Amino acid sequence: MSLEDLDDSDIKTLRELLELSRRADPDRRRALCIEIDIDPAEFSAIGTISTHDFVVELIDLLQKRKLETAIYKLSQELQLTFQGSKYVSRLDAIVRKINNEHYVKLDNVITSTSSPIESLNFLNTEISIQGNYLHIFFKVRELFLRFLKSGSSIRKAFIISLIVTSGLVGVRFFAVLEWLELKTFDHLMQARLLEEKEDNRLVIVAIADRDILEQDKRREKGYGNSLRDPSLNKLLAILEQHKPRLIGLDLYRAFRADSAIPDLVNRLQQKNIVTVCKVPATDEEGNTIAPGVPPAPEIVSLENVREKVGFSDFVTDTDGHVRRHLMAQDIIPGTECRTKESFSLLLARRYLEQEQDNKKYKAIIREGENPRIGNFTFPVVQSFTSGYQGIDSSGYQVLLNYRATISGKIAKVLTLEDVFNNKFDGEEINDKIVLVGSYAYQEGPRDEWSTPYGTMNGVTVHAHMVSQILSTVLDGRSLLRVWSQGIEIIWIGVWSFFGGFLVCYWRSLKTIGLVITASILVLYIICLMSLTFASLWIPFIPAGIAFTITSSGLIFIRYLSRKHT
């Protein structure tokens, strides 16, 4: 590129306009040099010489060294400064002369290449880089600088908030923030200002390591890993004396009962006994990737088998945590676990059916509708539900509102040996749901699950699920709720604009820092109070990010605006 096309009048124009623009004032000379890629140290007295002398020295330096790119950038800066003035046409002519020299250089180099192929390769590369990219860069830069100099601060805050909100909605759609939103949800669940009581409709009989060791000492035989047939028969016999409403066995029994204990078969077939099976895990194409577990053979042969068996499967998130309650699902053809209702739903439904006014609590599960029990509807989780983005929402899943008790227990817990040694009150069993499951950590198979409240045994998670249904229907306890996607987008947008508004209102960086910190704290308190008292899960992370990005962006734009004025 060459400066030969620029005549004396063009050079004179650049000098006059540069001096007139005040970009050559002593306090702005260093910034100008840096913007056009000139080292300020080139000028020994950059801060002391007159404006006219600095302008003459600068333009002469650019001419002598043939720094075409620097002159091009300087012309672009002046174009922005004198936009809409009578000088625009003169500056446009200078820019066109300099810009055209790109293509003169191209022609000279192309004709000097050794072959047409080399010329074509060079043409593709040079035109792409020097022609198109440089032009696009300056156009974008020009539009951005126009934006800095035009419109009110509120208008800028509104535009930036729209851009930030749109970007965050897109990022959220692809589940980029899902892990962080779910971890924040766990924190808020634990931080809720609730002191709920244990659910006195439930009792858990926990089979601990000590109970398994005691069975070994008694030399009991059987296939059960944690509870062998002699102990199971003894446990059921003792519980029957205190007339529990239901007994739920969270124990896989894919084998026949010991024929040497004939009473056990009869007890397992009692109406108030509910057992479990496991549905095979399948991939998106329906192929089995993990085997299921069939129900106990003594139960399968009964006519009322669907009133006796519920599936024990949990739905876990990508981090392995249980935050959703799979109440029901369609029966998978060919599986031995042929039940539509979960273990927890079956127990809760049968408990409600034995209430005095049992007609009020009829369970209705229809395809395409939210599950209903009596007048209460359980809203199912959609693929895009608050922090969840694009999840598998098949079946009838609802958010699990864990009971936040003072003791940390969902219900009264007895060990197997407590029951055998009669270390309990009979009223604790009478007319209750008794859940039997493993609490073993060393001696038996571990049935542990990650939850917002830490690790829980599987039978404890089932208890929370049963309690959620009973508490909703009988006590009016709230289910966890979320906003629609549209309202969440508005919420994020409001906080994004609010961040920009605060920056427009306050000028001191120290004050702005304090206000931003206080605003994030207010946002946190709003989300915590909503989850505590309204059981409403409000997005904290997207709103906080939008608020921070917009406020930080406006601070940066304010800095650039001052720099270019």
Protein backbone atom coordinates (compact mmCIF):
# COMPACT_ATOMS: atom_id res chain seq x y z
CA MET A 1 0.00 0.00 0.00
CA SER A 2 1.27 3.54 -0.84
CA LEU A 3 0.47 7.14 0.16
CA GLU A 4 1.25 8.56 -3.29
CA ASP A 5 -2.42 9.23 -4.05
CA LEU A 6 -2.72 11.60 -1.10
CA ASP A 7 -1.94 15.15 -2.25
CA ASP A 8 -0.97 18.19 -0.20
CA SER A 9 -4.58 19.21 0.28
CA ASP A 10 -5.37 15.80 1.80
CA ILE A 11 -2.46 16.11 4.23
CA LYS A 12 -3.55 19.64 5.08
CA THR A 13 -7.11 18.40 5.71
CA LEU A 14 -5.87 15.69 8.09
CA ARG A 15 -3.79 18.23 10.02
CA GLU A 16 -6.61 20.76 10.28
CA LEU A 17 -9.27 18.26 11.32
CA LEU A 18 -7.02 16.48 13.79
CA GLU A 19 -6.29 19.80 15.49
CA LEU A 20 -9.96 20.80 15.33
CA SER A 21 -11.14 17.45 16.81
CA ARG A 22 -9.13 18.09 20.00
CA ARG A 23 -7.86 14.51 19.79
CA ALA A 24 -4.38 16.07 19.76
CA ASP A 25 -4.84 17.91 23.06
CA PRO A 26 -1.98 17.24 25.53
CA ASP A 27 -4.07 14.97 27.80
CA ARG A 28 -5.29 12.82 24.89
CA ARG A 29 -2.17 12.43 22.75
CA ARG A 30 -0.92 9.18 24.28
CA ALA A 31 -4.33 7.52 23.82
CA LEU A 32 -4.42 8.67 20.18
CA CYS A 33 -0.98 7.24 19.48
CA ILE A 34 -1.90 3.90 20.99
CA GLU A 35 -5.16 3.75 18.97
CA ILE A 36 -3.30 4.18 15.66
CA ASP A 37 -0.49 1.81 16.73
CA ILE A 38 2.22 4.45 17.28
CA ASP A 39 4.55 4.35 20.26
CA PRO A 40 4.07 7.60 22.28
CA ALA A 41 7.78 7.46 23.10
CA GLU A 42 8.45 8.52 19.50
CA PHE A 43 7.69 12.06 20.67
CA SER A 44 10.20 13.41 23.18
CA ALA A 45 7.98 16.29 24.30
CA ILE A 46 4.58 14.75 23.72
CA GLY A 47 2.94 16.52 26.65
CA THR A 48 4.55 19.94 26.35
CA ILE A 49 4.65 20.96 22.69
CA SER A 50 1.76 22.92 21.22
CA THR A 51 -1.18 21.16 19.60
CA HIS A 52 -0.26 22.50 16.16
CA ASP A 53 3.36 21.33 16.43
CA PHE A 54 2.27 17.87 17.66
CA VAL A 55 -0.13 17.48 14.73
CA VAL A 56 2.50 18.48 12.19
CA GLU A 57 5.08 16.16 13.77
CA LEU A 58 2.64 13.24 13.89
CA ILE A 59 1.52 13.52 10.26
CA ASP A 60 5.10 14.00 9.06
CA LEU A 61 6.14 10.87 10.97
CA LEU A 62 3.37 8.81 9.35
CA GLN A 63 4.33 10.09 5.88
CA LYS A 64 8.08 9.54 6.23
CA ARG A 65 7.65 5.98 7.50
CA LYS A 66 4.81 5.30 5.06
CA LEU A 67 2.58 4.01 7.86
CA GLU A 68 -0.53 3.63 5.71
CA THR A 69 -2.47 1.58 8.28
CA ALA A 70 -1.94 4.23 10.94
CA ILE A 71 -3.17 6.98 8.61
CA TYR A 72 -6.16 4.81 7.71
CA LYS A 73 -7.03 4.38 11.39
CA LEU A 74 -6.54 8.09 12.02
CA SER A 75 -8.91 8.90 9.15
CA GLN A 76 -11.48 6.48 10.57
CA GLU A 77 -11.26 8.18 13.97
CA LEU A 78 -11.82 11.58 12.39
CA GLN A 79 -14.76 10.24 10.39
CA LEU A 80 -16.48 9.24 13.62
CA THR A 81 -15.67 12.54 15.28
CA PHE A 82 -17.01 14.70 12.42
CA GLN A 83 -19.94 12.46 11.52
CA GLY A 84 -22.76 14.55 10.05
CA SER A 85 -20.56 17.62 9.54
CA LYS A 86 -19.41 19.37 6.35
CA TYR A 87 -16.03 17.64 6.63
CA VAL A 88 -17.39 14.13 6.06
CA SER A 89 -17.07 14.18 2.26
CA ARG A 90 -13.43 15.25 2.42
CA LEU A 91 -12.60 12.50 4.93
CA ASP A 92 -14.49 9.91 2.88
CA ALA A 93 -12.38 10.80 -0.15
CA ILE A 94 -9.17 10.35 1.82
CA VAL A 95 -10.32 6.97 3.22
CA ARG A 96 -11.26 5.75 -0.26
CA LYS A 97 -7.85 6.70 -1.63
CA ILE A 98 -6.08 4.81 1.14
CA ASN A 99 -8.42 1.82 0.99
CA ASN A 100 -8.11 1.49 -2.80
CA GLU A 101 -4.37 1.07 -2.43
CA HIS A 102 -5.05 -2.37 -0.91
CA TYR A 103 -6.17 -3.58 -4.32
CA VAL A 104 -3.32 -1.81 -6.19
CA LYS A 105 -0.89 -3.80 -4.07
CA LEU A 106 -2.85 -6.97 -4.83
CA ASP A 107 -2.58 -6.43 -8.58
CA ASN A 108 1.16 -5.79 -8.41
CA VAL A 109 1.83 -8.91 -6.36
CA ILE A 110 -0.49 -11.11 -8.43
CA THR A 111 1.24 -10.17 -11.69
CA SER A 112 4.62 -10.98 -10.18
CA THR A 113 3.63 -14.51 -9.09
CA SER A 114 5.05 -17.45 -11.00
CA SER A 115 1.79 -19.21 -11.88
CA PRO A 116 -1.98 -18.63 -12.13
CA ILE A 117 -2.55 -21.04 -9.25
CA GLU A 118 -0.26 -19.05 -6.97
CA SER A 119 -2.03 -15.87 -8.04
CA LEU A 120 -5.43 -17.41 -7.26
CA ASN A 121 -4.30 -18.63 -3.83
CA PHE A 122 -2.85 -15.25 -3.01
CA LEU A 123 -5.99 -13.52 -4.25
CA ASN A 124 -8.25 -15.65 -2.06
CA THR A 125 -6.10 -15.10 1.01
CA GLU A 126 -5.28 -11.42 0.66
CA ILE A 127 -8.73 -10.27 -0.38
CA SER A 128 -10.27 -12.22 2.49
CA ILE A 129 -7.91 -10.84 5.10
CA GLN A 130 -7.04 -7.33 3.94
CA GLY A 131 -10.21 -6.50 2.04
CA ASN A 132 -13.19 -8.08 3.76
CA TYR A 133 -11.96 -8.61 7.30
CA LEU A 134 -10.43 -5.18 7.67
CA HIS A 135 -13.54 -3.56 6.26
CA ILE A 136 -15.82 -5.54 8.58
CA PHE A 137 -13.62 -4.74 11.57
CA PHE A 138 -13.79 -1.00 11.00
CA LYS A 139 -17.52 -1.09 10.28
CA VAL A 140 -18.24 -2.94 13.53
CA ARG A 141 -15.94 -0.59 15.38
CA GLU A 142 -17.67 2.39 13.80
CA LEU A 143 -21.12 1.14 14.81
CA PHE A 144 -19.93 0.47 18.34
CA LEU A 145 -18.46 3.94 18.71
CA ARG A 146 -21.65 5.46 17.35
CA PHE A 147 -23.54 3.52 19.96
CA LEU A 148 -21.27 4.91 22.66
CA LYS A 149 -21.89 8.49 21.58
CA SER A 150 -25.61 8.30 20.83
CA GLY A 151 -28.69 7.91 22.99
CA SER A 152 -29.28 8.14 26.73
CA SER A 153 -27.72 5.89 29.34
CA ILE A 154 -31.09 4.24 30.02
CA ARG A 155 -31.44 3.41 26.33
CA LYS A 156 -28.00 1.82 26.36
CA ALA A 157 -28.90 -0.15 29.48
CA PHE A 158 -32.07 -1.41 27.80
CA ILE A 159 -30.24 -2.50 24.64
CA ILE A 160 -27.43 -4.19 26.56
CA SER A 161 -29.94 -5.97 28.83
CA LEU A 162 -31.78 -7.32 25.77
CA ILE A 163 -28.52 -8.66 24.33
CA VAL A 164 -27.44 -10.20 27.65
CA THR A 165 -30.85 -11.75 28.31
CA SER A 166 -31.02 -13.25 24.83
CA GLY A 167 -27.54 -14.68 25.20
CA LEU A 168 -28.27 -16.19 28.60
CA VAL A 169 -31.53 -17.74 27.41
CA GLY A 170 -29.59 -19.38 24.59
CA VAL A 171 -26.84 -20.60 26.90
CA ARG A 172 -29.45 -21.90 29.34
CA PHE A 173 -31.31 -23.70 26.55
CA PHE A 174 -28.23 -25.83 25.90
CA ALA A 175 -28.05 -26.78 29.62
CA VAL A 176 -24.72 -25.01 30.13
CA LEU A 177 -25.91 -23.63 33.48
CA GLU A 178 -27.92 -26.68 34.58
CA TRP A 179 -25.30 -28.15 36.95
CA LEU A 180 -24.82 -24.78 38.65
CA GLU A 181 -28.54 -24.12 38.94
CA LEU A 182 -29.14 -27.55 40.47
CA LYS A 183 -26.34 -27.08 43.00
CA THR A 184 -27.82 -23.70 43.93
CA PHE A 185 -31.23 -25.35 44.26
CA ASP A 186 -29.71 -27.89 46.69
CA HIS A 187 -28.21 -25.06 48.74
CA LEU A 188 -31.52 -23.17 48.87
CA MET A 189 -33.37 -26.34 49.88
CA GLN A 190 -31.00 -26.83 52.81
CA ALA A 191 -31.13 -23.13 53.75
CA ARG A 192 -34.95 -23.00 53.91
CA LEU A 193 -36.23 -21.47 57.13
CA LEU A 194 -38.44 -24.45 57.92
CA GLU A 195 -38.82 -26.56 61.05
CA GLU A 196 -41.16 -29.33 59.98
CA LYS A 197 -42.12 -32.24 62.19
CA GLU A 198 -41.51 -35.88 61.40
CA ASP A 199 -44.35 -37.57 59.55
CA ASN A 200 -46.07 -39.60 62.28
CA ARG A 201 -47.96 -41.65 59.69
CA LEU A 202 -44.72 -43.44 58.83
CA VAL A 203 -42.30 -45.71 60.67
CA ILE A 204 -39.04 -47.07 59.25
CA VAL A 205 -37.61 -50.41 60.29
CA ALA A 206 -33.94 -50.12 59.38
CA ILE A 207 -31.84 -53.21 58.81
CA ALA A 208 -28.43 -52.05 60.04
CA ASP A 209 -25.05 -53.77 59.98
CA ARG A 210 -25.57 -54.98 63.56
CA ASP A 211 -28.84 -56.62 62.54
CA ILE A 212 -27.12 -58.55 59.76
CA LEU A 213 -24.38 -59.71 62.16
CA GLU A 214 -27.05 -60.91 64.58
CA GLN A 215 -28.62 -62.98 61.80
CA ASP A 216 -25.22 -64.54 61.15
CA LYS A 217 -24.86 -65.39 64.83
CA ARG A 218 -28.23 -67.15 64.73
CA ARG A 219 -26.98 -69.01 61.63
CA GLU A 220 -30.04 -68.08 59.66
CA LYS A 221 -30.19 -69.34 56.09
CA GLY A 222 -31.87 -67.81 53.09
CA TYR A 223 -31.26 -65.79 49.95
CA GLY A 224 -31.96 -62.36 51.36
CA ASN A 225 -28.81 -60.25 51.52
CA SER A 226 -29.90 -58.00 54.37
CA LEU A 227 -33.01 -59.74 55.73
CA ARG A 228 -33.20 -63.51 55.61
CA ASP A 229 -36.42 -65.47 55.67
CA PRO A 230 -36.46 -66.47 59.38
CA SER A 231 -35.94 -62.87 60.50
CA LEU A 232 -38.43 -61.53 57.92
CA ASN A 233 -41.07 -63.99 59.14
CA LYS A 234 -40.41 -63.02 62.74
CA LEU A 235 -40.54 -59.30 61.90
CA LEU A 236 -43.89 -59.62 60.08
CA ALA A 237 -45.33 -61.67 62.93
CA ILE A 238 -44.43 -59.01 65.50
CA LEU A 239 -45.69 -56.13 63.35
CA GLU A 240 -48.99 -57.88 62.69
CA GLN A 241 -49.72 -57.87 66.43
CA HIS A 242 -49.77 -54.06 66.41
CA LYS A 243 -52.00 -53.77 63.31
CA PRO A 244 -50.14 -51.45 60.95
CA ARG A 245 -52.22 -50.09 58.10
CA LEU A 246 -49.60 -51.09 55.53
CA ILE A 247 -46.17 -52.72 55.51
CA GLY A 248 -43.88 -51.76 52.65
CA LEU A 249 -40.93 -54.09 52.02
CA ASP A 250 -38.20 -52.21 50.14
CA LEU A 251 -36.38 -55.50 49.60
CA TYR A 252 -35.87 -57.35 46.33
CA ARG A 253 -37.10 -60.95 46.59
CA ALA A 254 -36.60 -62.54 43.17
CA PHE A 255 -36.64 -65.97 44.84
CA ARG A 256 -39.17 -68.21 46.55
CA ALA A 257 -39.58 -68.16 50.29
CA ASP A 258 -37.93 -70.90 52.34
CA SER A 259 -40.26 -73.92 52.29
CA ALA A 260 -39.22 -74.66 55.86
CA ILE A 261 -41.07 -71.51 56.94
CA PRO A 262 -44.60 -72.03 55.57
CA ASP A 263 -46.04 -69.08 57.51
CA LEU A 264 -43.86 -66.66 55.55
CA VAL A 265 -45.71 -67.27 52.26
CA ASN A 266 -49.05 -66.57 53.91
CA ARG A 267 -47.75 -63.41 55.53
CA LEU A 268 -46.28 -62.09 52.27
CA GLN A 269 -49.67 -62.58 50.64
CA GLN A 270 -51.55 -60.57 53.26
CA LYS A 271 -53.47 -57.58 51.85
CA ASN A 272 -51.50 -55.01 53.79
CA ILE A 273 -48.09 -56.16 52.49
CA VAL A 274 -46.61 -54.14 49.59
CA THR A 275 -43.38 -55.22 47.88
CA VAL A 276 -41.10 -53.90 45.13
CA CYS A 277 -39.71 -54.79 41.74
CA LYS A 278 -37.28 -53.00 39.44
CA VAL A 279 -37.95 -51.96 35.83
CA PRO A 280 -35.11 -52.68 33.36
CA ALA A 281 -33.19 -49.58 32.31
CA THR A 282 -33.41 -48.83 28.60
CA ASP A 283 -31.72 -46.42 26.20
CA GLU A 284 -33.44 -43.97 23.84
CA GLU A 285 -34.02 -46.74 21.31
CA GLY A 286 -35.65 -49.02 23.87
CA ASN A 287 -32.71 -51.42 24.22
CA THR A 288 -32.12 -52.85 27.70
CA ILE A 289 -28.93 -51.52 29.26
CA ALA A 290 -29.48 -52.77 32.83
CA PRO A 291 -31.60 -55.74 33.93
CA GLY A 292 -34.65 -55.39 36.11
CA VAL A 293 -35.68 -57.36 39.18
CA PRO A 294 -38.99 -59.28 39.16
CA PRO A 295 -41.40 -59.23 42.12
CA ALA A 296 -41.50 -62.05 44.67
CA PRO A 297 -42.88 -65.25 43.10
CA GLU A 298 -45.47 -65.60 45.90
CA ILE A 299 -46.91 -62.23 44.90
CA VAL A 300 -46.96 -62.68 41.12
CA SER A 301 -49.49 -65.50 41.34
CA LEU A 302 -52.08 -63.36 43.17
CA GLU A 303 -55.04 -61.83 41.34
CA ASN A 304 -54.48 -58.46 43.02
CA VAL A 305 -50.77 -58.35 42.15
CA ARG A 306 -50.96 -54.71 41.03
CA GLU A 307 -52.17 -53.77 44.51
CA LYS A 308 -49.18 -55.55 46.01
CA VAL A 309 -46.20 -54.48 43.89
CA GLY A 310 -44.77 -51.08 42.97
CA PHE A 311 -41.57 -50.27 41.11
CA SER A 312 -38.70 -48.96 43.24
CA ASP A 313 -36.89 -47.03 40.47
CA PHE A 314 -35.68 -43.49 41.09
CA VAL A 315 -34.97 -40.79 38.51
CA THR A 316 -31.51 -39.25 38.97
CA ASP A 317 -30.01 -36.11 37.48
CA THR A 318 -26.70 -35.98 35.62
CA ASP A 319 -24.87 -35.57 38.95
CA GLY A 320 -26.59 -38.65 40.41
CA HIS A 321 -28.87 -36.71 42.77
CA VAL A 322 -32.53 -37.57 43.35
CA ARG A 323 -34.54 -34.35 43.02
CA ARG A 324 -37.58 -35.73 41.20
CA HIS A 325 -40.25 -38.20 42.21
CA LEU A 326 -41.24 -40.71 39.52
CA MET A 327 -44.82 -41.39 40.61
CA ALA A 328 -45.82 -43.62 37.70
CA GLN A 329 -44.74 -44.76 34.25
CA ASP A 330 -46.07 -46.81 31.39
CA ILE A 331 -45.53 -50.54 31.58
CA ILE A 332 -42.62 -51.68 29.42
CA PRO A 333 -43.67 -54.64 27.24
CA GLY A 334 -41.88 -57.89 28.03
CA THR A 335 -40.68 -56.88 31.49
CA GLU A 336 -41.51 -58.93 34.58
CA CYS A 337 -41.98 -55.75 36.64
CA ARG A 338 -45.43 -55.08 35.20
CA THR A 339 -46.68 -52.25 37.38
CA LYS A 340 -47.56 -48.69 36.47
CA GLU A 341 -47.37 -47.22 39.97
CA SER A 342 -44.26 -46.55 42.00
CA PHE A 343 -43.75 -48.16 45.41
CA SER A 344 -44.36 -44.79 47.09
CA LEU A 345 -47.51 -43.94 45.11
CA LEU A 346 -48.97 -47.40 45.75
CA LEU A 347 -48.41 -47.10 49.50
CA ALA A 348 -49.82 -43.57 49.63
CA ARG A 349 -52.86 -44.42 47.50
CA ARG A 350 -53.74 -47.50 49.51
CA TYR A 351 -53.28 -45.55 52.75
CA LEU A 352 -55.70 -42.86 51.52
CA GLU A 353 -58.19 -45.46 50.35
CA GLN A 354 -58.48 -46.62 53.98
CA GLU A 355 -59.29 -43.14 55.26
CA GLN A 356 -62.82 -42.54 56.56
CA ASP A 357 -63.88 -40.52 53.52
CA ASN A 358 -61.96 -42.64 51.05
CA LYS A 359 -64.03 -41.58 48.02
CA LYS A 360 -62.35 -38.17 48.16
CA TYR A 361 -58.92 -39.65 47.50
CA LYS A 362 -59.33 -41.62 44.30
CA ALA A 363 -56.11 -41.63 42.27
CA ILE A 364 -56.41 -40.82 38.57
CA ILE A 365 -53.47 -41.25 36.21
CA ARG A 366 -54.25 -40.64 32.56
CA GLU A 367 -51.91 -40.30 29.62
CA GLY A 368 -51.12 -36.69 28.79
CA GLU A 369 -52.54 -35.36 32.07
CA ASN A 370 -51.08 -34.48 35.44
CA PRO A 371 -51.66 -37.17 38.10
CA ARG A 372 -54.56 -36.41 40.43
CA ILE A 373 -55.51 -37.75 43.82
CA GLY A 374 -58.90 -36.47 44.84
CA ASN A 375 -58.95 -32.72 44.21
CA PHE A 376 -55.18 -32.40 44.26
CA THR A 377 -53.14 -32.22 41.06
CA PHE A 378 -49.46 -33.10 40.92
CA PRO A 379 -47.87 -30.99 38.11
CA VAL A 380 -45.38 -33.09 36.19
CA VAL A 381 -41.88 -31.93 35.29
CA GLN A 382 -41.42 -30.84 31.68
CA SER A 383 -38.22 -31.15 29.65
CA PHE A 384 -37.56 -27.47 30.34
CA THR A 385 -38.48 -26.79 33.96
CA SER A 386 -36.62 -23.98 35.75
CA GLY A 387 -33.01 -25.19 36.14
CA TYR A 388 -33.74 -28.36 34.14
CA GLN A 389 -33.05 -27.92 30.44
CA GLY A 390 -33.82 -30.65 27.94
CA ILE A 391 -34.09 -33.52 30.42
CA ASP A 392 -35.87 -36.83 29.89
CA SER A 393 -39.26 -36.13 31.46
CA SER A 394 -40.91 -39.43 30.46
CA GLY A 395 -43.34 -40.97 32.89
CA TYR A 396 -45.07 -38.94 35.57
CA GLN A 397 -42.34 -37.03 37.38
CA VAL A 398 -42.85 -34.30 39.97
CA LEU A 399 -40.32 -32.24 41.90
CA LEU A 400 -39.59 -33.84 45.27
CA ASN A 401 -40.17 -31.47 48.18
CA TYR A 402 -38.09 -33.14 50.89
CA ARG A 403 -39.44 -32.66 54.39
CA ALA A 404 -37.11 -30.31 56.30
CA THR A 405 -37.41 -31.70 59.83
CA ILE A 406 -35.63 -30.44 62.93
CA SER A 407 -34.30 -33.92 63.72
CA GLY A 408 -33.17 -34.54 60.14
CA LYS A 409 -35.35 -37.69 60.05
CA ILE A 410 -38.44 -38.12 57.95
CA ALA A 411 -40.06 -40.49 60.47
CA LYS A 412 -39.47 -42.65 63.53
CA VAL A 413 -36.66 -45.15 62.86
CA LEU A 414 -36.43 -48.55 64.58
CA THR A 415 -33.75 -51.15 63.99
CA LEU A 416 -34.57 -54.80 63.42
CA GLU A 417 -33.18 -55.74 66.84
CA ASP A 418 -35.30 -52.96 68.44
CA VAL A 419 -38.40 -54.68 67.10
CA PHE A 420 -37.20 -58.17 68.08
CA ASN A 421 -36.43 -56.97 71.63
CA ASN A 422 -39.72 -55.07 71.89
CA LYS A 423 -37.97 -51.69 72.33
CA PHE A 424 -40.83 -49.66 70.92
CA ASP A 425 -44.33 -48.50 71.72
CA GLY A 426 -47.13 -50.39 69.96
CA GLU A 427 -48.87 -47.08 69.17
CA GLU A 428 -45.90 -46.20 66.98
CA ILE A 429 -46.91 -49.06 64.67
CA ASN A 430 -50.68 -49.08 64.90
CA ASP A 431 -52.47 -47.79 61.78
CA LYS A 432 -49.16 -46.54 60.32
CA ILE A 433 -47.22 -47.28 57.16
CA VAL A 434 -44.20 -49.36 58.18
CA LEU A 435 -41.35 -49.22 55.69
CA VAL A 436 -38.69 -51.93 55.91
CA GLY A 437 -35.37 -51.36 54.17
CA SER A 438 -31.60 -51.59 54.37
CA TYR A 439 -29.44 -49.20 56.39
CA ALA A 440 -26.39 -51.44 56.01
CA TYR A 441 -23.03 -49.87 55.17
CA GLN A 442 -20.57 -52.74 55.52
CA GLU A 443 -22.26 -56.10 55.98
CA GLY A 444 -24.88 -55.92 53.25
CA PRO A 445 -25.53 -54.27 49.88
CA ARG A 446 -25.50 -50.48 50.18
CA ASP A 447 -28.70 -48.78 49.10
CA GLU A 448 -27.60 -45.13 49.17
CA TRP A 449 -28.68 -42.15 47.10
CA SER A 450 -27.45 -38.56 46.80
CA THR A 451 -30.07 -35.91 47.58
CA PRO A 452 -30.14 -32.14 48.27
CA TYR A 453 -29.83 -33.11 51.95
CA GLY A 454 -26.85 -35.38 51.48
CA THR A 455 -26.74 -39.16 51.22
CA MET A 456 -29.87 -41.10 52.16
CA ASN A 457 -30.79 -44.75 52.21
CA GLY A 458 -33.25 -45.85 49.55
CA VAL A 459 -36.02 -46.61 52.04
CA THR A 460 -35.65 -43.07 53.45
CA VAL A 461 -36.07 -41.55 49.99
CA HIS A 462 -39.19 -43.68 49.52
CA ALA A 463 -40.46 -42.36 52.85
CA HIS A 464 -40.01 -38.76 51.68
CA MET A 465 -41.96 -39.57 48.53
CA VAL A 466 -44.81 -41.24 50.44
CA SER A 467 -44.85 -38.33 52.87
CA GLN A 468 -45.02 -35.78 50.04
CA ILE A 469 -48.17 -37.38 48.63
CA LEU A 470 -49.89 -37.82 52.01
CA SER A 471 -48.92 -34.35 53.24
CA THR A 472 -50.19 -32.72 50.05
CA VAL A 473 -53.54 -34.50 50.10
CA LEU A 474 -54.23 -34.62 53.85
CA ASP A 475 -52.35 -31.58 55.19
CA GLY A 476 -52.32 -29.20 52.25
CA ARG A 477 -48.51 -29.05 52.24
CA SER A 478 -47.25 -27.29 49.13
CA LEU A 479 -45.60 -29.04 46.25
CA LEU A 480 -42.57 -27.40 44.67
CA ARG A 481 -43.61 -25.03 41.89
CA VAL A 482 -41.85 -23.22 39.05
CA TRP A 483 -42.67 -20.37 36.70
CA SER A 484 -43.36 -20.83 33.02
CA GLN A 485 -40.46 -20.27 30.65
CA GLY A 486 -41.87 -16.94 29.54
CA ILE A 487 -42.06 -15.55 33.05
CA GLU A 488 -38.52 -16.78 33.79
CA ILE A 489 -37.20 -14.96 30.72
CA ILE A 490 -38.93 -11.76 31.87
CA TRP A 491 -37.46 -12.26 35.35
CA ILE A 492 -33.94 -12.61 33.92
CA GLY A 493 -34.49 -9.59 31.67
CA VAL A 494 -35.75 -7.43 34.54
CA TRP A 495 -32.66 -8.17 36.63
CA SER A 496 -30.44 -7.57 33.63
CA PHE A 497 -31.98 -4.12 33.03
CA PHE A 498 -31.93 -3.38 36.75
CA GLY A 499 -28.16 -3.93 36.76
CA GLY A 500 -27.75 -1.41 33.95
CA PHE A 501 -30.14 1.07 35.57
CA LEU A 502 -28.12 1.12 38.79
CA VAL A 503 -24.96 1.95 36.87
CA CYS A 504 -26.78 4.79 35.11
CA TYR A 505 -28.10 6.16 38.41
CA TRP A 506 -24.87 6.05 40.41
CA ARG A 507 -21.54 7.41 39.16
CA SER A 508 -19.07 6.46 41.86
CA LEU A 509 -17.47 3.06 41.26
CA LYS A 510 -17.29 2.47 45.00
CA THR A 511 -21.01 3.17 45.39
CA ILE A 512 -21.83 1.02 42.37
CA GLY A 513 -19.82 -1.86 43.84
CA LEU A 514 -21.72 -1.66 47.12
CA VAL A 515 -25.08 -1.40 45.35
CA ILE A 516 -24.33 -4.39 43.10
CA THR A 517 -23.31 -6.50 46.12
CA ALA A 518 -26.46 -5.47 48.01
CA SER A 519 -28.63 -6.23 44.97
CA ILE A 520 -27.22 -9.75 44.59
CA LEU A 521 -27.94 -10.31 48.29
CA VAL A 522 -31.52 -9.08 47.79
CA LEU A 523 -31.91 -11.46 44.83
CA TYR A 524 -30.66 -14.35 46.98
CA ILE A 525 -33.09 -13.48 49.79
CA ILE A 526 -36.00 -13.28 47.34
CA CYS A 527 -35.18 -16.74 45.95
CA LEU A 528 -34.73 -18.21 49.44
CA MET A 529 -37.96 -16.72 50.81
CA SER A 530 -39.91 -17.85 47.76
CA LEU A 531 -38.69 -21.41 48.16
CA THR A 532 -39.28 -21.34 51.91
CA PHE A 533 -42.75 -19.84 52.14
CA ALA A 534 -44.22 -20.34 48.66
CA SER A 535 -42.36 -23.52 47.59
CA LEU A 536 -41.51 -21.59 44.42
CA TRP A 537 -38.19 -22.31 42.70
CA ILE A 538 -37.06 -19.00 41.18
CA PRO A 539 -33.94 -18.92 38.96
CA PHE A 540 -31.13 -17.32 40.95
CA ILE A 541 -28.06 -18.08 38.82
CA PRO A 542 -29.32 -16.74 35.43
CA ALA A 543 -30.73 -13.60 37.02
CA GLY A 544 -27.54 -12.99 38.98
CA ILE A 545 -25.34 -13.51 35.93
CA ALA A 546 -27.52 -11.21 33.80
CA PHE A 547 -27.42 -8.53 36.49
CA THR A 548 -23.64 -8.74 36.83
CA ILE A 549 -22.84 -8.81 33.09
CA THR A 550 -25.11 -5.86 32.27
CA SER A 551 -23.86 -3.71 35.13
CA SER A 552 -20.22 -4.53 34.33
CA GLY A 553 -20.83 -3.91 30.63
CA LEU A 554 -22.33 -0.48 31.26
CA ILE A 555 -19.37 0.45 33.48
CA PHE A 556 -17.00 -0.53 30.65
CA ILE A 557 -19.06 1.38 28.07
CA ARG A 558 -19.04 4.46 30.28
CA TYR A 559 -15.25 4.24 30.41
CA LEU A 560 -15.02 3.98 26.61
CA SER A 561 -17.45 6.85 26.15
CA ARG A 562 -15.29 9.14 28.26
CA LYS A 563 -12.21 7.99 26.36
CA HIS A 564 -13.71 8.86 22.96
CA THR A 565 -15.23 12.21 23.89
